[in-house]
Amino acid sequence: MECKTTELRQLLKEQLQLRSLSLRELSTQTDIDKATLSRIMNGKRKPTLNHLQRLSDALNISLDRLLAAAGFPIKNEKVHGDTFIQAVEEIERTLKDHDVYDGTFSEEKLKQKLNAYETYSQSVEGKETISAKFEKKMDSISGVGPFLDQLKSMYNSFMSGRGTSRELMLMGGALLYFIMPVDLIPDYIFPIGYIDDAAAVQVVLNQLTNRS
């Protein structure tokens, strides 16, 4: 059965013509098998989100545009939920509704990642990563959610060294989780791609608030 990706097929064909690219060259640039690209181009296969991310990078087309053309739901919805548990429930519910991600998310895994990033944030490389990439990442997702203001505050405190060693580690962990491309929930999954980033911020805020 053909996938309903006519708009995507047309867009990709236009881009190949515009850039004078062959399917083989696009395969090399994206590291997507030529046969897979051919099936996508012919409407025989629906691309995965990973495919679209690679096409976005190679063709310099916004991921939003490719997702819309491929028929994925794109919503700028803010996730409502005041507690971490509500956020987790929302993630699990949405992942079950949309067969786009087969990983698992848990509070324990999130805290493990945060702990690793906290340590890394105190290294020269970690601090340089935060300094070099935070504002660029913020610009790329302008308007995604209210947790951005909290991240900005953490960034300002972290960069100016305002806080105890432990507080700076906690803030650094949250900032790196937000910056680094490998999340428990990939950022490109709409509309929930940043819910784990928001949950990470909440976990750190709770630790900062409840510190003794």
N, C-alpha and C. Protein backbone atom coordinates (compact mmCIF):
# COMPACT_ATOMS: atom_id res chain seq x y z
N MET A 1 0.84 -1.20 0.00
CA MET A 1 0.00 0.00 0.00
C MET A 1 0.87 1.24 0.00
N GLU A 2 0.53 2.21 -0.83
CA GLU A 2 1.30 3.43 -0.90
C GLU A 2 1.03 4.30 0.31
N CYS A 3 2.08 4.98 0.78
CA CYS A 3 1.94 5.90 1.89
C CYS A 3 1.48 7.25 1.37
N LYS A 4 0.73 7.94 2.18
CA LYS A 4 0.24 9.25 1.77
C LYS A 4 1.31 10.31 2.01
N THR A 5 2.34 10.27 1.15
CA THR A 5 3.45 11.21 1.31
C THR A 5 3.70 11.97 0.00
N THR A 6 2.62 12.26 -0.73
CA THR A 6 2.76 12.95 -2.01
C THR A 6 3.48 14.27 -1.86
N GLU A 7 3.13 15.03 -0.85
CA GLU A 7 3.76 16.34 -0.64
C GLU A 7 5.25 16.19 -0.37
N LEU A 8 5.62 15.20 0.43
CA LEU A 8 7.03 14.97 0.73
C LEU A 8 7.77 14.54 -0.52
N ARG A 9 7.18 13.64 -1.30
CA ARG A 9 7.82 13.17 -2.52
C ARG A 9 8.09 14.33 -3.46
N GLN A 10 7.11 15.21 -3.62
CA GLN A 10 7.27 16.36 -4.50
C GLN A 10 8.37 17.29 -3.99
N LEU A 11 8.37 17.50 -2.69
CA LEU A 11 9.36 18.38 -2.10
C LEU A 11 10.78 17.84 -2.30
N LEU A 12 10.95 16.56 -2.05
CA LEU A 12 12.28 15.97 -2.21
C LEU A 12 12.74 15.99 -3.67
N LYS A 13 11.82 15.71 -4.58
CA LYS A 13 12.18 15.76 -6.01
C LYS A 13 12.60 17.16 -6.42
N GLU A 14 11.89 18.16 -5.93
CA GLU A 14 12.23 19.55 -6.24
C GLU A 14 13.61 19.90 -5.70
N GLN A 15 13.90 19.42 -4.50
CA GLN A 15 15.18 19.73 -3.88
C GLN A 15 16.34 19.04 -4.61
N LEU A 16 16.11 17.82 -5.06
CA LEU A 16 17.14 17.11 -5.81
C LEU A 16 17.44 17.83 -7.12
N GLN A 17 16.38 18.28 -7.79
CA GLN A 17 16.56 19.01 -9.04
C GLN A 17 17.26 20.34 -8.80
N LEU A 18 16.82 21.04 -7.76
CA LEU A 18 17.38 22.35 -7.44
C LEU A 18 18.87 22.26 -7.13
N ARG A 19 19.27 21.20 -6.47
CA ARG A 19 20.67 21.06 -6.05
C ARG A 19 21.48 20.16 -6.98
N SER A 20 20.83 19.70 -8.05
CA SER A 20 21.48 18.81 -9.02
C SER A 20 22.09 17.59 -8.32
N LEU A 21 21.30 17.02 -7.45
CA LEU A 21 21.74 15.85 -6.69
C LEU A 21 21.11 14.58 -7.25
N SER A 22 21.89 13.52 -7.28
CA SER A 22 21.34 12.22 -7.64
C SER A 22 20.88 11.52 -6.37
N LEU A 23 20.09 10.48 -6.54
CA LEU A 23 19.64 9.72 -5.38
C LEU A 23 20.83 9.09 -4.65
N ARG A 24 21.81 8.66 -5.44
CA ARG A 24 23.02 8.06 -4.84
C ARG A 24 23.77 9.09 -3.99
N GLU A 25 23.87 10.32 -4.49
CA GLU A 25 24.56 11.37 -3.74
C GLU A 25 23.80 11.73 -2.46
N LEU A 26 22.48 11.76 -2.57
CA LEU A 26 21.68 12.04 -1.38
C LEU A 26 21.83 10.92 -0.36
N SER A 27 21.92 9.70 -0.85
CA SER A 27 22.12 8.55 0.03
C SER A 27 23.44 8.68 0.79
N THR A 28 24.47 9.12 0.09
CA THR A 28 25.78 9.30 0.72
C THR A 28 25.74 10.40 1.78
N GLN A 29 25.08 11.50 1.45
CA GLN A 29 25.02 12.65 2.37
C GLN A 29 24.20 12.35 3.62
N THR A 30 23.16 11.54 3.47
CA THR A 30 22.26 11.26 4.59
C THR A 30 22.57 9.95 5.31
N ASP A 31 23.39 9.12 4.67
CA ASP A 31 23.68 7.78 5.20
C ASP A 31 22.40 6.95 5.30
N ILE A 32 21.48 7.22 4.35
CA ILE A 32 20.27 6.41 4.23
C ILE A 32 20.43 5.54 2.99
N ASP A 33 20.14 4.28 3.13
CA ASP A 33 20.29 3.35 2.01
C ASP A 33 19.55 3.85 0.77
N LYS A 34 20.19 3.73 -0.40
CA LYS A 34 19.61 4.23 -1.64
C LYS A 34 18.25 3.58 -1.92
N ALA A 35 18.14 2.29 -1.65
CA ALA A 35 16.87 1.59 -1.89
C ALA A 35 15.77 2.14 -0.99
N THR A 36 16.13 2.47 0.25
CA THR A 36 15.15 3.05 1.18
C THR A 36 14.70 4.41 0.69
N LEU A 37 15.66 5.24 0.26
CA LEU A 37 15.32 6.55 -0.28
C LEU A 37 14.42 6.42 -1.50
N SER A 38 14.71 5.45 -2.33
CA SER A 38 13.90 5.23 -3.53
C SER A 38 12.46 4.88 -3.18
N ARG A 39 12.29 4.03 -2.16
CA ARG A 39 10.93 3.65 -1.74
C ARG A 39 10.20 4.85 -1.14
N ILE A 40 10.93 5.69 -0.42
CA ILE A 40 10.32 6.89 0.14
C ILE A 40 9.89 7.83 -0.99
N MET A 41 10.78 8.00 -1.97
CA MET A 41 10.51 8.88 -3.10
C MET A 41 9.34 8.39 -3.95
N ASN A 42 9.15 7.08 -3.98
CA ASN A 42 8.07 6.49 -4.78
C ASN A 42 6.79 6.26 -3.99
N GLY A 43 6.79 6.69 -2.73
CA GLY A 43 5.60 6.54 -1.91
C GLY A 43 5.33 5.12 -1.45
N LYS A 44 6.34 4.28 -1.51
CA LYS A 44 6.18 2.89 -1.08
C LYS A 44 6.50 2.68 0.39
N ARG A 45 7.11 3.71 0.98
CA ARG A 45 7.48 3.60 2.38
C ARG A 45 7.37 4.96 3.03
N LYS A 46 6.82 4.99 4.25
CA LYS A 46 6.78 6.25 5.00
C LYS A 46 8.10 6.41 5.73
N PRO A 47 8.71 7.58 5.63
CA PRO A 47 10.00 7.79 6.31
C PRO A 47 9.85 7.80 7.82
N THR A 48 10.89 7.40 8.49
CA THR A 48 10.90 7.50 9.95
C THR A 48 11.34 8.91 10.33
N LEU A 49 11.22 9.24 11.59
CA LEU A 49 11.67 10.54 12.06
C LEU A 49 13.18 10.68 11.92
N ASN A 50 13.88 9.58 12.07
CA ASN A 50 15.33 9.61 11.89
C ASN A 50 15.69 9.93 10.45
N HIS A 51 14.95 9.35 9.50
CA HIS A 51 15.16 9.67 8.08
C HIS A 51 14.98 11.16 7.83
N LEU A 52 13.89 11.69 8.37
CA LEU A 52 13.57 13.10 8.13
C LEU A 52 14.61 14.02 8.76
N GLN A 53 15.12 13.65 9.92
CA GLN A 53 16.16 14.46 10.56
C GLN A 53 17.40 14.51 9.68
N ARG A 54 17.77 13.38 9.10
CA ARG A 54 18.96 13.33 8.24
C ARG A 54 18.73 14.11 6.94
N LEU A 55 17.54 14.01 6.40
CA LEU A 55 17.21 14.76 5.19
C LEU A 55 17.22 16.26 5.48
N SER A 56 16.72 16.63 6.64
CA SER A 56 16.71 18.03 7.05
C SER A 56 18.13 18.59 7.11
N ASP A 57 19.03 17.82 7.70
CA ASP A 57 20.42 18.26 7.82
C ASP A 57 21.11 18.35 6.46
N ALA A 58 20.87 17.34 5.62
CA ALA A 58 21.56 17.29 4.32
C ALA A 58 21.05 18.35 3.35
N LEU A 59 19.74 18.61 3.36
CA LEU A 59 19.14 19.52 2.40
C LEU A 59 18.92 20.92 2.95
N ASN A 60 19.23 21.09 4.23
CA ASN A 60 19.04 22.39 4.89
C ASN A 60 17.58 22.85 4.79
N ILE A 61 16.67 21.92 5.06
CA ILE A 61 15.24 22.19 5.09
C ILE A 61 14.78 22.02 6.53
N SER A 62 13.92 22.88 7.01
CA SER A 62 13.48 22.76 8.40
C SER A 62 12.79 21.42 8.63
N LEU A 63 13.04 20.84 9.78
CA LEU A 63 12.44 19.56 10.11
C LEU A 63 10.92 19.69 10.19
N ASP A 64 10.43 20.82 10.67
CA ASP A 64 8.99 21.05 10.73
C ASP A 64 8.36 20.87 9.36
N ARG A 65 9.00 21.44 8.35
CA ARG A 65 8.46 21.37 6.99
C ARG A 65 8.42 19.94 6.48
N LEU A 66 9.47 19.18 6.74
CA LEU A 66 9.51 17.79 6.30
C LEU A 66 8.49 16.94 7.05
N LEU A 67 8.36 17.18 8.34
CA LEU A 67 7.38 16.44 9.13
C LEU A 67 5.97 16.68 8.62
N ALA A 68 5.66 17.93 8.34
CA ALA A 68 4.33 18.27 7.84
C ALA A 68 4.09 17.62 6.49
N ALA A 69 5.10 17.66 5.62
CA ALA A 69 4.96 17.07 4.28
C ALA A 69 4.78 15.56 4.34
N ALA A 70 5.40 14.94 5.36
CA ALA A 70 5.31 13.49 5.50
C ALA A 70 4.06 13.03 6.24
N GLY A 71 3.28 14.01 6.74
CA GLY A 71 2.02 13.66 7.39
C GLY A 71 2.11 13.41 8.87
N PHE A 72 3.24 13.77 9.49
CA PHE A 72 3.35 13.63 10.94
C PHE A 72 2.62 14.78 11.62
N PRO A 73 2.03 14.52 12.79
CA PRO A 73 1.34 15.59 13.51
C PRO A 73 2.33 16.56 14.11
N ILE A 74 2.22 17.83 13.75
CA ILE A 74 3.09 18.86 14.30
C ILE A 74 2.23 19.84 15.06
N LYS A 75 2.47 19.92 16.34
CA LYS A 75 1.68 20.81 17.18
C LYS A 75 2.62 21.58 18.08
N ASN A 76 2.29 22.81 18.31
CA ASN A 76 3.10 23.64 19.20
C ASN A 76 2.48 23.67 20.58
N GLU A 77 1.95 22.55 20.97
CA GLU A 77 1.23 22.49 22.23
C GLU A 77 2.19 22.54 23.41
N LYS A 78 1.78 23.24 24.44
CA LYS A 78 2.53 23.22 25.69
C LYS A 78 1.97 22.08 26.53
N VAL A 79 2.86 21.34 27.13
CA VAL A 79 2.43 20.22 27.96
C VAL A 79 2.02 20.75 29.32
N HIS A 80 0.77 20.49 29.67
CA HIS A 80 0.29 20.96 30.96
C HIS A 80 0.48 19.87 32.00
N GLY A 81 0.93 20.22 33.14
CA GLY A 81 1.17 19.26 34.21
C GLY A 81 2.14 19.86 35.20
N ASP A 82 1.73 19.95 36.45
CA ASP A 82 2.54 20.63 37.44
C ASP A 82 3.57 19.72 38.10
N THR A 83 3.42 18.45 37.93
CA THR A 83 4.33 17.54 38.61
C THR A 83 5.09 16.67 37.63
N PHE A 84 6.19 16.14 38.11
CA PHE A 84 6.99 15.26 37.28
C PHE A 84 6.20 14.02 36.84
N ILE A 85 5.42 13.46 37.75
CA ILE A 85 4.66 12.26 37.43
C ILE A 85 3.65 12.53 36.32
N GLN A 86 2.99 13.68 36.36
CA GLN A 86 2.06 14.03 35.29
C GLN A 86 2.78 14.13 33.96
N ALA A 87 3.98 14.66 33.99
CA ALA A 87 4.76 14.77 32.75
C ALA A 87 5.09 13.39 32.19
N VAL A 88 5.51 12.49 33.08
CA VAL A 88 5.83 11.13 32.65
C VAL A 88 4.60 10.45 32.06
N GLU A 89 3.46 10.61 32.72
CA GLU A 89 2.22 10.00 32.23
C GLU A 89 1.86 10.54 30.85
N GLU A 90 2.08 11.84 30.65
CA GLU A 90 1.79 12.43 29.35
C GLU A 90 2.70 11.87 28.27
N ILE A 91 3.96 11.69 28.61
CA ILE A 91 4.90 11.10 27.66
C ILE A 91 4.46 9.70 27.26
N GLU A 92 4.20 8.88 28.28
CA GLU A 92 3.82 7.49 28.01
C GLU A 92 2.55 7.39 27.19
N ARG A 93 1.59 8.25 27.51
CA ARG A 93 0.31 8.24 26.79
C ARG A 93 0.51 8.62 25.32
N THR A 94 1.32 9.63 25.08
CA THR A 94 1.52 10.09 23.71
C THR A 94 2.33 9.09 22.90
N LEU A 95 3.33 8.49 23.53
CA LEU A 95 4.14 7.51 22.82
C LEU A 95 3.32 6.30 22.40
N LYS A 96 2.33 5.94 23.21
CA LYS A 96 1.47 4.82 22.84
C LYS A 96 0.53 5.19 21.70
N ASP A 97 0.12 6.46 21.67
CA ASP A 97 -0.79 6.92 20.62
C ASP A 97 -0.11 7.04 19.27
N HIS A 98 1.16 7.43 19.28
CA HIS A 98 1.91 7.64 18.04
C HIS A 98 3.09 6.67 18.00
N ASP A 99 3.05 5.76 17.06
CA ASP A 99 4.08 4.73 16.97
C ASP A 99 5.33 5.31 16.31
N VAL A 100 6.00 6.21 17.04
CA VAL A 100 7.16 6.89 16.47
C VAL A 100 8.42 6.73 17.30
N TYR A 101 8.32 6.04 18.41
CA TYR A 101 9.48 5.92 19.29
C TYR A 101 9.33 4.66 20.12
N ASP A 102 10.38 3.83 20.11
CA ASP A 102 10.27 2.55 20.80
C ASP A 102 11.16 2.47 22.04
N GLY A 103 11.65 3.62 22.49
CA GLY A 103 12.47 3.63 23.69
C GLY A 103 11.63 3.68 24.95
N THR A 104 12.30 3.78 26.07
CA THR A 104 11.59 3.85 27.34
C THR A 104 12.05 5.07 28.11
N PHE A 105 11.15 5.62 28.87
CA PHE A 105 11.44 6.81 29.68
C PHE A 105 11.08 6.51 31.12
N SER A 106 11.94 6.90 32.03
CA SER A 106 11.61 6.72 33.44
C SER A 106 12.32 7.79 34.25
N GLU A 107 11.80 8.05 35.42
CA GLU A 107 12.42 9.02 36.32
C GLU A 107 13.84 8.59 36.67
N GLU A 108 14.02 7.29 36.86
CA GLU A 108 15.34 6.79 37.22
C GLU A 108 16.36 7.05 36.11
N LYS A 109 15.96 6.79 34.85
CA LYS A 109 16.87 7.01 33.73
C LYS A 109 17.20 8.50 33.58
N LEU A 110 16.19 9.34 33.79
CA LEU A 110 16.41 10.77 33.69
C LEU A 110 17.43 11.23 34.73
N LYS A 111 17.27 10.77 35.97
CA LYS A 111 18.18 11.18 37.03
C LYS A 111 19.59 10.64 36.80
N GLN A 112 19.69 9.45 36.19
CA GLN A 112 21.01 8.91 35.87
C GLN A 112 21.73 9.79 34.86
N LYS A 113 20.99 10.23 33.84
CA LYS A 113 21.59 11.11 32.84
C LYS A 113 21.98 12.44 33.46
N LEU A 114 21.10 12.98 34.29
CA LEU A 114 21.40 14.26 34.94
C LEU A 114 22.66 14.16 35.80
N ASN A 115 22.79 13.05 36.52
CA ASN A 115 23.97 12.86 37.36
C ASN A 115 25.25 12.85 36.54
N ALA A 116 25.20 12.18 35.39
CA ALA A 116 26.37 12.13 34.52
C ALA A 116 26.70 13.52 33.98
N TYR A 117 25.67 14.26 33.59
CA TYR A 117 25.88 15.60 33.06
C TYR A 117 26.35 16.58 34.14
N GLU A 118 25.90 16.37 35.37
CA GLU A 118 26.34 17.24 36.46
C GLU A 118 27.86 17.18 36.61
N THR A 119 28.39 15.97 36.57
CA THR A 119 29.84 15.81 36.69
C THR A 119 30.55 16.44 35.50
N TYR A 120 30.03 16.18 34.31
CA TYR A 120 30.64 16.70 33.08
C TYR A 120 30.60 18.23 33.05
N SER A 121 29.57 18.82 33.63
CA SER A 121 29.42 20.27 33.58
C SER A 121 30.53 20.99 34.33
N GLN A 122 31.22 20.28 35.23
CA GLN A 122 32.28 20.91 36.00
C GLN A 122 33.64 20.80 35.32
N SER A 123 33.68 20.08 34.20
CA SER A 123 34.93 19.97 33.45
C SER A 123 35.07 21.17 32.52
N VAL A 124 36.27 21.40 32.04
CA VAL A 124 36.50 22.50 31.09
C VAL A 124 35.65 22.31 29.84
N GLU A 125 35.62 21.06 29.35
CA GLU A 125 34.85 20.77 28.13
C GLU A 125 33.36 21.00 28.35
N GLY A 126 32.87 20.59 29.52
CA GLY A 126 31.45 20.76 29.81
C GLY A 126 31.06 22.22 29.87
N LYS A 127 31.89 23.01 30.54
CA LYS A 127 31.60 24.45 30.65
C LYS A 127 31.66 25.12 29.28
N GLU A 128 32.62 24.70 28.45
CA GLU A 128 32.74 25.27 27.11
C GLU A 128 31.53 24.89 26.25
N THR A 129 31.04 23.67 26.42
CA THR A 129 29.86 23.24 25.67
C THR A 129 28.65 24.09 26.03
N ILE A 130 28.44 24.33 27.31
CA ILE A 130 27.32 25.15 27.76
C ILE A 130 27.45 26.57 27.22
N SER A 131 28.64 27.12 27.32
CA SER A 131 28.89 28.49 26.87
C SER A 131 28.67 28.64 25.38
N ALA A 132 29.11 27.64 24.61
CA ALA A 132 29.08 27.74 23.15
C ALA A 132 27.73 27.39 22.54
N LYS A 133 26.96 26.50 23.20
CA LYS A 133 25.79 25.95 22.52
C LYS A 133 24.44 26.31 23.13
N PHE A 134 24.42 26.84 24.35
CA PHE A 134 23.12 27.07 24.99
C PHE A 134 22.27 28.06 24.22
N GLU A 135 22.82 29.23 23.92
CA GLU A 135 22.01 30.27 23.28
C GLU A 135 21.55 29.84 21.88
N LYS A 136 22.40 29.11 21.16
CA LYS A 136 22.01 28.62 19.84
C LYS A 136 20.83 27.65 19.95
N LYS A 137 20.87 26.77 20.95
CA LYS A 137 19.78 25.81 21.14
C LYS A 137 18.51 26.55 21.53
N MET A 138 18.62 27.56 22.36
CA MET A 138 17.45 28.34 22.76
C MET A 138 16.82 29.02 21.55
N ASP A 139 17.64 29.58 20.70
CA ASP A 139 17.13 30.27 19.51
C ASP A 139 16.39 29.31 18.58
N SER A 140 16.84 28.06 18.54
CA SER A 140 16.26 27.08 17.61
C SER A 140 14.88 26.62 18.03
N ILE A 141 14.51 26.81 19.32
CA ILE A 141 13.21 26.32 19.78
C ILE A 141 12.40 27.42 20.45
N SER A 142 12.60 28.64 20.02
CA SER A 142 11.91 29.78 20.63
C SER A 142 10.42 29.53 20.77
N GLY A 143 9.92 29.68 21.99
CA GLY A 143 8.48 29.57 22.23
C GLY A 143 7.96 28.19 22.56
N VAL A 144 8.86 27.22 22.75
CA VAL A 144 8.40 25.85 22.98
C VAL A 144 7.69 25.68 24.31
N GLY A 145 8.19 26.28 25.36
CA GLY A 145 7.55 26.04 26.65
C GLY A 145 8.04 26.96 27.74
N PRO A 146 7.30 27.02 28.82
CA PRO A 146 7.63 27.92 29.92
C PRO A 146 8.91 27.57 30.65
N PHE A 147 9.38 26.35 30.51
CA PHE A 147 10.62 25.97 31.19
C PHE A 147 11.83 26.71 30.64
N LEU A 148 11.67 27.37 29.48
CA LEU A 148 12.78 28.11 28.90
C LEU A 148 13.25 29.24 29.81
N ASP A 149 12.31 29.92 30.45
CA ASP A 149 12.69 31.01 31.36
C ASP A 149 13.51 30.47 32.52
N GLN A 150 13.15 29.29 33.00
CA GLN A 150 13.90 28.68 34.10
C GLN A 150 15.31 28.30 33.64
N LEU A 151 15.41 27.80 32.41
CA LEU A 151 16.72 27.46 31.87
C LEU A 151 17.60 28.70 31.70
N LYS A 152 16.99 29.78 31.23
CA LYS A 152 17.75 31.03 31.06
C LYS A 152 18.31 31.50 32.39
N SER A 153 17.49 31.40 33.43
CA SER A 153 17.93 31.81 34.76
C SER A 153 19.08 30.92 35.23
N MET A 154 18.96 29.61 35.00
CA MET A 154 20.03 28.69 35.37
C MET A 154 21.31 29.02 34.60
N TYR A 155 21.15 29.30 33.32
CA TYR A 155 22.31 29.61 32.48
C TYR A 155 23.05 30.85 33.01
N ASN A 156 22.28 31.89 33.31
CA ASN A 156 22.90 33.13 33.81
C ASN A 156 23.63 32.90 35.13
N SER A 157 22.99 32.12 36.02
CA SER A 157 23.62 31.82 37.31
C SER A 157 24.87 30.96 37.12
N PHE A 158 24.77 29.97 36.23
CA PHE A 158 25.89 29.05 36.00
C PHE A 158 27.08 29.80 35.42
N MET A 159 26.83 30.64 34.41
CA MET A 159 27.92 31.34 33.74
C MET A 159 28.58 32.37 34.65
N SER A 160 27.81 32.94 35.57
CA SER A 160 28.37 33.95 36.47
C SER A 160 28.90 33.33 37.77
N GLY A 161 28.68 32.01 37.91
CA GLY A 161 29.18 31.32 39.10
C GLY A 161 28.40 31.64 40.36
N ARG A 162 27.13 32.04 40.19
CA ARG A 162 26.31 32.37 41.37
C ARG A 162 25.70 31.10 41.94
N GLY A 163 26.17 30.70 43.10
CA GLY A 163 25.64 29.51 43.74
C GLY A 163 26.75 28.69 44.36
N THR A 164 26.36 27.73 45.17
CA THR A 164 27.34 26.83 45.77
C THR A 164 27.83 25.84 44.71
N SER A 165 28.86 25.11 45.03
CA SER A 165 29.38 24.11 44.09
C SER A 165 28.31 23.11 43.70
N ARG A 166 27.52 22.68 44.69
CA ARG A 166 26.46 21.71 44.42
C ARG A 166 25.38 22.32 43.53
N GLU A 167 25.01 23.56 43.80
CA GLU A 167 23.98 24.21 43.00
C GLU A 167 24.44 24.37 41.56
N LEU A 168 25.70 24.73 41.38
CA LEU A 168 26.24 24.91 40.02
C LEU A 168 26.28 23.58 39.27
N MET A 169 26.56 22.50 40.00
CA MET A 169 26.55 21.18 39.37
C MET A 169 25.15 20.80 38.92
N LEU A 170 24.17 21.05 39.78
CA LEU A 170 22.78 20.73 39.43
C LEU A 170 22.33 21.51 38.20
N MET A 171 22.62 22.81 38.20
CA MET A 171 22.23 23.65 37.07
C MET A 171 22.96 23.25 35.80
N GLY A 172 24.24 22.92 35.94
CA GLY A 172 25.01 22.49 34.78
C GLY A 172 24.46 21.21 34.17
N GLY A 173 24.01 20.29 35.04
CA GLY A 173 23.43 19.05 34.54
C GLY A 173 22.18 19.29 33.73
N ALA A 174 21.31 20.17 34.21
CA ALA A 174 20.08 20.49 33.49
C ALA A 174 20.38 21.17 32.16
N LEU A 175 21.36 22.08 32.16
CA LEU A 175 21.72 22.81 30.94
C LEU A 175 22.28 21.85 29.89
N LEU A 176 23.14 20.93 30.30
CA LEU A 176 23.71 19.98 29.35
C LEU A 176 22.67 19.01 28.83
N TYR A 177 21.74 18.60 29.70
CA TYR A 177 20.68 17.71 29.23
C TYR A 177 19.89 18.39 28.11
N PHE A 178 19.62 19.67 28.29
CA PHE A 178 18.89 20.44 27.30
C PHE A 178 19.68 20.60 26.01
N ILE A 179 20.98 20.81 26.13
CA ILE A 179 21.83 21.09 24.97
C ILE A 179 22.15 19.85 24.17
N MET A 180 22.48 18.77 24.84
CA MET A 180 22.99 17.58 24.16
C MET A 180 21.92 16.96 23.26
N PRO A 181 22.32 16.47 22.08
CA PRO A 181 21.34 15.98 21.09
C PRO A 181 20.68 14.66 21.44
N VAL A 182 21.27 13.87 22.35
CA VAL A 182 20.71 12.56 22.66
C VAL A 182 19.90 12.64 23.93
N ASP A 183 18.58 12.78 23.79
CA ASP A 183 17.65 12.83 24.92
C ASP A 183 17.01 11.47 25.11
N LEU A 184 16.37 11.28 26.26
CA LEU A 184 15.55 10.08 26.44
C LEU A 184 14.37 10.12 25.49
N ILE A 185 13.83 11.33 25.25
CA ILE A 185 12.79 11.54 24.24
C ILE A 185 13.38 12.48 23.19
N PRO A 186 13.65 11.99 21.98
CA PRO A 186 14.27 12.86 20.97
C PRO A 186 13.48 14.15 20.75
N ASP A 187 14.21 15.27 20.62
CA ASP A 187 13.57 16.57 20.49
C ASP A 187 12.68 16.68 19.26
N TYR A 188 12.97 15.88 18.22
CA TYR A 188 12.22 16.05 16.97
C TYR A 188 10.87 15.34 16.99
N ILE A 189 10.56 14.63 18.06
CA ILE A 189 9.24 13.99 18.14
C ILE A 189 8.22 15.02 18.63
N PHE A 190 7.28 15.38 17.77
CA PHE A 190 6.27 16.37 18.11
C PHE A 190 5.00 15.66 18.57
N PRO A 191 4.25 16.21 19.51
CA PRO A 191 4.49 17.48 20.20
C PRO A 191 5.20 17.31 21.53
N ILE A 192 5.88 16.18 21.74
CA ILE A 192 6.40 15.87 23.07
C ILE A 192 7.92 15.91 23.17
N GLY A 193 8.59 16.38 22.14
CA GLY A 193 10.04 16.27 22.09
C GLY A 193 10.78 16.95 23.22
N TYR A 194 10.17 17.96 23.83
CA TYR A 194 10.88 18.68 24.88
C TYR A 194 10.30 18.43 26.27
N ILE A 195 9.41 17.46 26.38
CA ILE A 195 8.78 17.23 27.67
C ILE A 195 9.79 16.68 28.68
N ASP A 196 10.75 15.89 28.21
CA ASP A 196 11.74 15.37 29.15
C ASP A 196 12.73 16.45 29.55
N ASP A 197 12.98 17.42 28.66
CA ASP A 197 13.82 18.56 29.04
C ASP A 197 13.13 19.36 30.14
N ALA A 198 11.82 19.56 29.97
CA ALA A 198 11.06 20.29 30.99
C ALA A 198 11.06 19.52 32.31
N ALA A 199 10.92 18.19 32.21
CA ALA A 199 10.93 17.37 33.42
C ALA A 199 12.30 17.43 34.10
N ALA A 200 13.37 17.45 33.30
CA ALA A 200 14.72 17.55 33.86
C ALA A 200 14.88 18.85 34.63
N VAL A 201 14.38 19.93 34.05
CA VAL A 201 14.44 21.23 34.72
C VAL A 201 13.69 21.17 36.05
N GLN A 202 12.51 20.53 36.03
CA GLN A 202 11.71 20.45 37.24
C GLN A 202 12.41 19.64 38.33
N VAL A 203 13.04 18.54 37.94
CA VAL A 203 13.77 17.71 38.90
C VAL A 203 14.87 18.53 39.57
N VAL A 204 15.62 19.28 38.76
CA VAL A 204 16.72 20.09 39.30
C VAL A 204 16.18 21.22 40.18
N LEU A 205 15.09 21.87 39.74
CA LEU A 205 14.50 22.93 40.55
C LEU A 205 14.05 22.40 41.91
N ASN A 206 13.49 21.20 41.91
CA ASN A 206 13.06 20.59 43.17
C ASN A 206 14.25 20.36 44.09
N GLN A 207 15.36 19.91 43.50
CA GLN A 207 16.55 19.66 44.30
C GLN A 207 17.13 20.98 44.84
N LEU A 208 17.10 22.03 44.02
CA LEU A 208 17.60 23.31 44.45
C LEU A 208 16.74 23.90 45.56
N THR A 209 15.43 23.72 45.41
CA THR A 209 14.47 24.28 46.39
C THR A 209 14.52 23.53 47.72
N ASN A 210 14.71 22.21 47.62
CA ASN A 210 14.66 21.38 48.82
C ASN A 210 16.01 21.11 49.44
N ARG A 211 17.04 21.76 48.94
CA ARG A 211 18.39 21.49 49.48
C ARG A 211 18.43 21.90 50.96
N SER A 212 19.18 21.20 51.72
CA SER A 212 19.27 21.49 53.15
C SER A 212 20.51 22.31 53.44
